Amino acid sequence: MKIDDLNKLVEGSYIVLLPDADYDIKDSVEYTFNNVIYLDFELSEEDANKIVDFVNNKGSKLIIFDWFEGYRLILPYISKKREVKWVYKNNLAGLTTGGVRATFTRIMEFYDRNIVKEIACLDKATSEVLKQAGYRASHLLLDVKTKSRKNTLEKSIGVIGDDYNPNHNTYNQLSALKLIDYDYCKIVPNMPATKHFIDFFDIKAKEVHSREEALVDNEINLYCNFTFNNMELILKSLDLGIPCLLGNTDIFDDYPKLKQYLVLDSDDDIGEIANKINGIRENKDIILKEYAKYRKDYIKESKKLVSNFLER
């Protein structure tokens, strides 16, 4: 929704501010929450005042994601009678990246100024660490609209991470393709080095323009990150019936079969990536059957956590 549409909301509504840096989770935020305002421009003082006026005089709470410079025109002016809740997208491992560290520092700044009531983390372990440190923190699971499964006869493989993010392990995943049988891989090559790597090692690749294009109509998707997992992509892939191979993560710890087939022990072991791809091919029916259980539980847990988050 647009800022000018605030006057259409009923009294007591909450609003969500989502900056353009978080558009990689846009679909899941929009599906999980109502009244999402997208901040893909420099926020004017006039628009900031409209948001402050709505929250203070008509709204119930303000929910914001990560960091947007315009927050400084909003947060100090929110009435103490209103709740401000901040959602942190990344995990603590991401603090090795300067931009993520700066976002986390700003969240702590406004929390310490008693402007923010609660910090919700998309990563469960991060929420637990913050709780142990004495912060009002919670865990939040975003959901996404389920799409119908499609069958494909091609042995295409999607590489759905960002090649410019070293945590997304792109070159090890591409290298593993030399050890298996496949028709071609789909990838969004943002870096010139990626195009050179593909050409130099004669990797059969199809260049696409978005991760959505890279993700669909494949036999398998690769998302073998060291960290910086986007749950939205994992859900989208598996909802389509496309197994998604992950790096060493705790996402499927309570689902042994998914952990066995879809999670690497060593993220940068090219041989293991290749072996896991072959194992996924041989056990796809088992994987998708187990995922159906996981997805049902995920939907239930997401609804519970979101409801608690909005009602507290």
Protein backbone atom coordinates (compact mmCIF):
# COMPACT_ATOMS: atom_id res chain seq x y z
CA MET A 1 0.00 0.00 0.00
CA LYS A 2 1.00 3.64 -0.37
CA ILE A 3 1.44 6.17 2.41
CA ASP A 4 -1.50 8.19 1.07
CA ASP A 5 -3.72 5.13 1.63
CA LEU A 6 -3.31 5.33 5.41
CA ASN A 7 -6.53 7.29 5.69
CA LYS A 8 -8.40 4.24 4.35
CA LEU A 9 -7.42 2.06 7.32
CA VAL A 10 -9.74 1.55 10.24
CA GLU A 11 -8.84 2.78 13.70
CA GLY A 12 -6.63 0.35 15.61
CA SER A 13 -4.84 -0.99 12.54
CA TYR A 14 -1.14 -1.74 12.61
CA ILE A 15 1.16 -0.80 9.74
CA VAL A 16 4.36 -2.44 8.48
CA LEU A 17 7.26 -0.56 6.88
CA LEU A 18 9.39 -2.61 4.48
CA PRO A 19 12.48 -0.93 2.95
CA ASP A 20 13.69 -1.83 -0.53
CA ALA A 21 16.72 -3.62 0.93
CA ASP A 22 14.26 -6.27 2.14
CA TYR A 23 12.37 -6.82 -1.09
CA ASP A 24 13.93 -10.28 -1.23
CA ILE A 25 11.35 -11.23 1.42
CA LYS A 26 8.59 -9.02 0.02
CA ASP A 27 6.23 -11.86 -0.92
CA SER A 28 6.38 -13.48 2.51
CA VAL A 29 6.00 -10.18 4.37
CA GLU A 30 2.99 -9.26 2.24
CA TYR A 31 1.45 -12.70 2.74
CA THR A 32 2.05 -12.75 6.50
CA PHE A 33 1.05 -9.19 7.38
CA ASN A 34 -1.58 -6.64 6.41
CA ASN A 35 -0.99 -2.97 5.64
CA VAL A 36 2.56 -3.21 4.28
CA ILE A 37 4.05 0.09 3.08
CA TYR A 38 6.99 -0.27 0.69
CA LEU A 39 9.82 2.22 1.13
CA ASP A 40 11.70 2.30 -2.17
CA PHE A 41 12.39 6.02 -2.19
CA GLU A 42 13.84 8.76 -0.02
CA LEU A 43 11.23 9.48 2.62
CA SER A 44 10.09 13.10 2.67
CA GLU A 45 9.38 14.88 5.93
CA GLU A 46 5.77 15.21 4.82
CA ASP A 47 5.36 11.45 4.32
CA ALA A 48 7.16 10.73 7.58
CA ASN A 49 4.70 13.02 9.36
CA LYS A 50 1.77 11.17 7.79
CA ILE A 51 3.07 7.88 9.20
CA VAL A 52 3.70 9.39 12.64
CA ASP A 53 0.27 11.02 12.67
CA PHE A 54 -1.48 7.76 11.77
CA VAL A 55 0.35 5.68 14.38
CA ASN A 56 -0.11 8.24 17.15
CA ASN A 57 -3.75 9.09 16.51
CA LYS A 58 -5.33 6.11 14.80
CA GLY A 59 -3.04 3.10 14.66
CA SER A 60 -2.23 0.46 17.25
CA LYS A 61 1.40 -0.37 16.53
CA LEU A 62 4.23 0.20 14.07
CA ILE A 63 6.22 -2.76 12.74
CA ILE A 64 9.44 -2.03 10.87
CA PHE A 65 11.94 -4.26 9.06
CA ASP A 66 15.70 -3.87 9.23
CA TRP A 67 16.98 -0.37 8.44
CA PHE A 68 15.87 2.59 6.36
CA GLU A 69 17.36 6.05 6.85
CA GLY A 70 13.89 7.58 6.93
CA TYR A 71 13.22 5.77 10.23
CA ARG A 72 15.04 8.64 11.94
CA LEU A 73 12.23 10.94 10.81
CA ILE A 74 9.65 8.60 12.34
CA LEU A 75 10.78 6.68 15.42
CA PRO A 76 11.65 9.55 17.80
CA TYR A 77 8.18 11.03 17.29
CA ILE A 78 6.06 7.95 17.98
CA SER A 79 3.99 8.32 21.14
CA LYS A 80 5.06 6.20 24.11
CA LYS A 81 1.46 4.98 24.16
CA ARG A 82 2.06 3.19 20.87
CA GLU A 83 4.15 0.06 20.28
CA VAL A 84 7.09 -0.09 17.91
CA LYS A 85 8.29 -3.57 17.01
CA TRP A 86 11.40 -4.20 14.92
CA VAL A 87 11.97 -7.28 12.76
CA TYR A 88 15.59 -8.31 12.19
CA LYS A 89 16.03 -10.39 9.03
CA ASN A 90 19.58 -11.70 9.37
CA ASN A 91 21.33 -13.83 11.97
CA LEU A 92 24.31 -13.20 14.19
CA ALA A 93 26.70 -14.81 11.71
CA GLY A 94 25.73 -12.03 9.32
CA LEU A 95 27.35 -9.46 11.61
CA THR A 96 30.63 -10.14 9.82
CA THR A 97 29.12 -8.07 6.97
CA GLY A 98 29.35 -4.31 7.47
CA GLY A 99 25.84 -3.42 6.31
CA VAL A 100 24.21 -6.07 8.51
CA ARG A 101 26.30 -4.98 11.47
CA ALA A 102 25.23 -1.35 10.94
CA THR A 103 21.56 -2.39 10.87
CA PHE A 104 21.93 -4.39 14.08
CA THR A 105 23.71 -1.47 15.78
CA ARG A 106 20.85 0.88 14.89
CA ILE A 107 18.27 -1.56 16.24
CA MET A 108 20.19 -1.67 19.51
CA GLU A 109 20.39 2.15 19.54
CA PHE A 110 16.63 2.63 19.35
CA TYR A 111 15.98 -0.24 21.75
CA ASP A 112 18.32 1.30 24.32
CA ARG A 113 16.49 4.62 23.89
CA ASN A 114 13.31 2.77 24.89
CA ILE A 115 11.65 3.58 21.56
CA VAL A 116 11.39 -0.05 20.45
CA LYS A 117 9.37 -2.48 22.57
CA GLU A 118 10.35 -5.78 20.97
CA ILE A 119 12.85 -7.23 18.51
CA ALA A 120 11.52 -10.11 16.41
CA CYS A 121 14.10 -12.29 14.68
CA LEU A 122 13.54 -14.44 11.62
CA ASP A 123 16.40 -16.60 12.88
CA LYS A 124 15.44 -18.57 15.99
CA ALA A 125 18.96 -18.87 17.40
CA THR A 126 19.42 -15.10 17.20
CA SER A 127 16.21 -14.54 19.16
CA GLU A 128 17.43 -16.95 21.85
CA VAL A 129 20.76 -15.15 22.17
CA LEU A 130 19.03 -11.78 22.54
CA LYS A 131 16.66 -13.20 25.16
CA GLN A 132 19.59 -14.54 27.16
CA ALA A 133 21.18 -11.08 26.97
CA GLY A 134 18.06 -9.57 28.54
CA TYR A 135 16.35 -8.12 25.47
CA ARG A 136 12.63 -8.43 24.72
CA ALA A 137 13.08 -10.67 21.72
CA SER A 138 10.95 -13.21 19.91
CA HIS A 139 11.10 -15.58 16.98
CA LEU A 140 8.99 -14.98 13.88
CA LEU A 141 8.30 -17.28 10.92
CA LEU A 142 7.10 -15.64 7.72
CA ASP A 143 4.94 -17.73 5.43
CA VAL A 144 4.37 -17.50 1.69
CA LYS A 145 1.52 -18.45 -0.60
CA THR A 146 1.77 -22.07 -1.70
CA LYS A 147 1.90 -22.65 -5.45
CA SER A 148 0.85 -25.75 -7.36
CA ARG A 149 3.53 -28.32 -8.09
CA LYS A 150 4.78 -28.72 -11.62
CA ASN A 151 6.59 -31.67 -13.13
CA THR A 152 9.58 -31.13 -15.40
CA LEU A 153 11.28 -33.66 -17.64
CA GLU A 154 14.51 -31.66 -17.89
CA LYS A 155 17.50 -32.13 -15.61
CA SER A 156 17.88 -28.39 -15.06
CA ILE A 157 19.37 -27.16 -11.80
CA GLY A 158 18.70 -23.74 -10.32
CA VAL A 159 21.47 -21.84 -8.55
CA ILE A 160 19.28 -19.45 -6.57
CA GLY A 161 21.73 -17.60 -4.33
CA ASP A 162 23.37 -14.24 -5.03
CA ASP A 163 26.76 -14.60 -6.72
CA TYR A 164 27.88 -11.24 -5.32
CA ASN A 165 27.40 -12.53 -1.76
CA PRO A 166 30.41 -14.67 -0.77
CA ASN A 167 28.23 -16.36 1.85
CA HIS A 168 26.11 -17.88 -0.94
CA ASN A 169 28.88 -20.22 -2.06
CA THR A 170 28.18 -19.83 -5.79
CA TYR A 171 31.46 -21.10 -7.20
CA ASN A 172 31.55 -24.32 -5.18
CA GLN A 173 28.02 -25.09 -6.36
CA LEU A 174 28.92 -24.44 -9.99
CA SER A 175 32.05 -26.57 -9.60
CA ALA A 176 29.99 -29.49 -8.30
CA LEU A 177 28.04 -29.54 -11.56
CA LYS A 178 31.16 -30.83 -13.33
CA LEU A 179 30.84 -34.02 -11.28
CA ILE A 180 27.23 -34.88 -12.19
CA ASP A 181 24.93 -35.42 -15.14
CA TYR A 182 22.67 -32.43 -15.84
CA ASP A 183 21.12 -30.63 -18.81
CA TYR A 184 21.93 -27.05 -17.77
CA CYS A 185 21.84 -24.77 -14.75
CA LYS A 186 19.88 -21.54 -14.42
CA ILE A 187 21.60 -18.62 -12.74
CA VAL A 188 21.47 -14.84 -12.43
CA PRO A 189 25.12 -13.87 -13.07
CA ASN A 190 25.53 -10.41 -11.55
CA MET A 191 29.32 -10.59 -11.35
CA PRO A 192 31.61 -10.61 -14.40
CA ALA A 193 33.69 -13.18 -12.52
CA THR A 194 30.72 -15.56 -12.58
CA LYS A 195 30.37 -15.33 -16.35
CA HIS A 196 34.12 -15.90 -16.71
CA PHE A 197 33.96 -18.90 -14.36
CA ILE A 198 31.10 -20.45 -16.34
CA ASP A 199 32.89 -19.97 -19.66
CA PHE A 200 36.33 -21.04 -18.42
CA PHE A 201 35.07 -24.32 -16.92
CA ASP A 202 32.56 -24.95 -19.72
CA ILE A 203 29.55 -25.12 -17.41
CA LYS A 204 26.25 -25.51 -19.20
CA ALA A 205 24.38 -22.44 -17.96
CA LYS A 206 21.28 -20.50 -18.92
CA GLU A 207 21.34 -16.88 -17.85
CA VAL A 208 18.05 -15.62 -16.39
CA HIS A 209 17.06 -12.22 -15.06
CA SER A 210 15.63 -12.97 -11.61
CA ARG A 211 15.80 -15.52 -8.85
CA GLU A 212 12.16 -16.31 -9.54
CA GLU A 213 13.14 -17.42 -13.05
CA ALA A 214 16.11 -19.36 -11.70
CA LEU A 215 13.95 -21.16 -9.15
CA VAL A 216 11.08 -22.58 -11.22
CA ASP A 217 10.76 -25.62 -13.53
CA ASN A 218 13.91 -27.37 -12.28
CA GLU A 219 14.75 -30.85 -11.10
CA ILE A 220 16.73 -29.50 -8.13
CA ASN A 221 17.66 -26.10 -6.72
CA LEU A 222 20.97 -25.31 -5.06
CA TYR A 223 21.05 -22.89 -2.13
CA CYS A 224 24.13 -24.17 -0.30
CA ASN A 225 24.88 -21.03 1.69
CA PHE A 226 27.35 -20.61 4.51
CA THR A 227 24.76 -18.26 6.06
CA PHE A 228 22.20 -15.64 4.89
CA ASN A 229 19.42 -18.12 4.11
CA ASN A 230 16.16 -16.66 2.82
CA MET A 231 13.36 -18.95 4.00
CA GLU A 232 11.03 -17.57 1.35
CA LEU A 233 13.12 -19.11 -1.43
CA ILE A 234 13.35 -22.47 0.31
CA LEU A 235 9.58 -22.64 0.79
CA LYS A 236 8.88 -21.52 -2.77
CA SER A 237 11.17 -24.18 -4.18
CA LEU A 238 9.83 -27.09 -2.15
CA ASP A 239 6.22 -25.95 -2.49
CA LEU A 240 6.72 -26.40 -6.24
CA GLY A 241 7.98 -29.93 -5.62
CA ILE A 242 11.60 -28.97 -6.33
CA PRO A 243 14.01 -30.24 -3.66
CA CYS A 244 16.36 -27.50 -2.48
CA LEU A 245 19.85 -28.43 -1.28
CA LEU A 246 21.03 -26.28 1.65
CA GLY A 247 24.27 -25.57 3.44
CA ASN A 248 24.86 -26.61 7.04
CA THR A 249 21.75 -25.19 8.70
CA ASP A 250 19.39 -26.06 11.56
CA ILE A 251 16.23 -25.47 9.49
CA PHE A 252 15.38 -29.18 9.21
CA ASP A 253 16.86 -30.40 12.50
CA ASP A 254 13.54 -31.86 13.63
CA TYR A 255 12.93 -33.69 10.34
CA PRO A 256 15.65 -36.37 9.99
CA LYS A 257 14.93 -37.33 6.37
CA LEU A 258 15.01 -33.72 5.18
CA LYS A 259 18.19 -33.18 7.18
CA GLN A 260 19.72 -36.29 5.62
CA TYR A 261 18.97 -35.44 2.01
CA LEU A 262 18.77 -31.65 1.87
CA VAL A 263 21.42 -30.39 4.29
CA LEU A 264 25.19 -30.50 3.76
CA ASP A 265 27.63 -31.41 6.50
CA SER A 266 30.35 -29.32 4.86
CA ASP A 267 29.14 -26.36 2.80
CA ASP A 268 32.28 -26.06 0.68
CA ASP A 269 32.81 -29.77 -0.06
CA ILE A 270 32.25 -29.99 -3.82
CA GLY A 271 32.14 -33.79 -3.73
CA GLU A 272 29.47 -33.77 -1.05
CA ILE A 273 27.35 -31.31 -3.04
CA ALA A 274 27.53 -33.60 -6.07
CA ASN A 275 26.70 -36.69 -3.99
CA LYS A 276 23.75 -34.93 -2.37
CA ILE A 277 22.37 -33.97 -5.78
CA ASN A 278 22.47 -37.61 -6.86
CA GLY A 279 20.92 -38.67 -3.55
CA ILE A 280 18.07 -36.19 -4.03
CA ARG A 281 17.35 -37.64 -7.45
CA GLU A 282 17.13 -41.15 -6.04
CA ASN A 283 14.93 -40.18 -3.09
CA LYS A 284 12.75 -37.34 -4.36
CA ASP A 285 9.46 -39.01 -3.39
CA ILE A 286 10.67 -39.59 0.18
CA ILE A 287 11.83 -35.97 0.42
CA LEU A 288 8.56 -34.46 -0.79
CA LYS A 289 6.50 -36.73 1.46
CA GLU A 290 8.52 -35.64 4.48
CA TYR A 291 8.33 -32.02 3.36
CA ALA A 292 4.52 -32.20 3.33
CA LYS A 293 4.69 -32.91 7.07
CA TYR A 294 7.18 -30.13 7.62
CA ARG A 295 5.09 -27.64 5.63
CA LYS A 296 1.95 -28.42 7.61
CA ASP A 297 3.81 -27.86 10.87
CA TYR A 298 5.47 -24.71 9.52
CA ILE A 299 2.14 -23.10 8.60
CA LYS A 300 0.74 -23.84 12.04
CA GLU A 301 3.82 -22.52 13.84
CA SER A 302 3.99 -19.40 11.67
CA LYS A 303 0.37 -18.50 12.43
CA LYS A 304 0.94 -18.99 16.15
CA LEU A 305 4.12 -16.89 16.29
CA VAL A 306 2.65 -14.09 14.16
CA SER A 307 -0.54 -14.01 16.24
CA ASN A 308 1.45 -13.80 19.47
CA PHE A 309 3.66 -11.10 17.97
CA LEU A 310 0.70 -8.93 16.97
CA GLU A 311 -1.24 -9.43 20.19
CA ARG A 312 1.55 -8.83 22.70
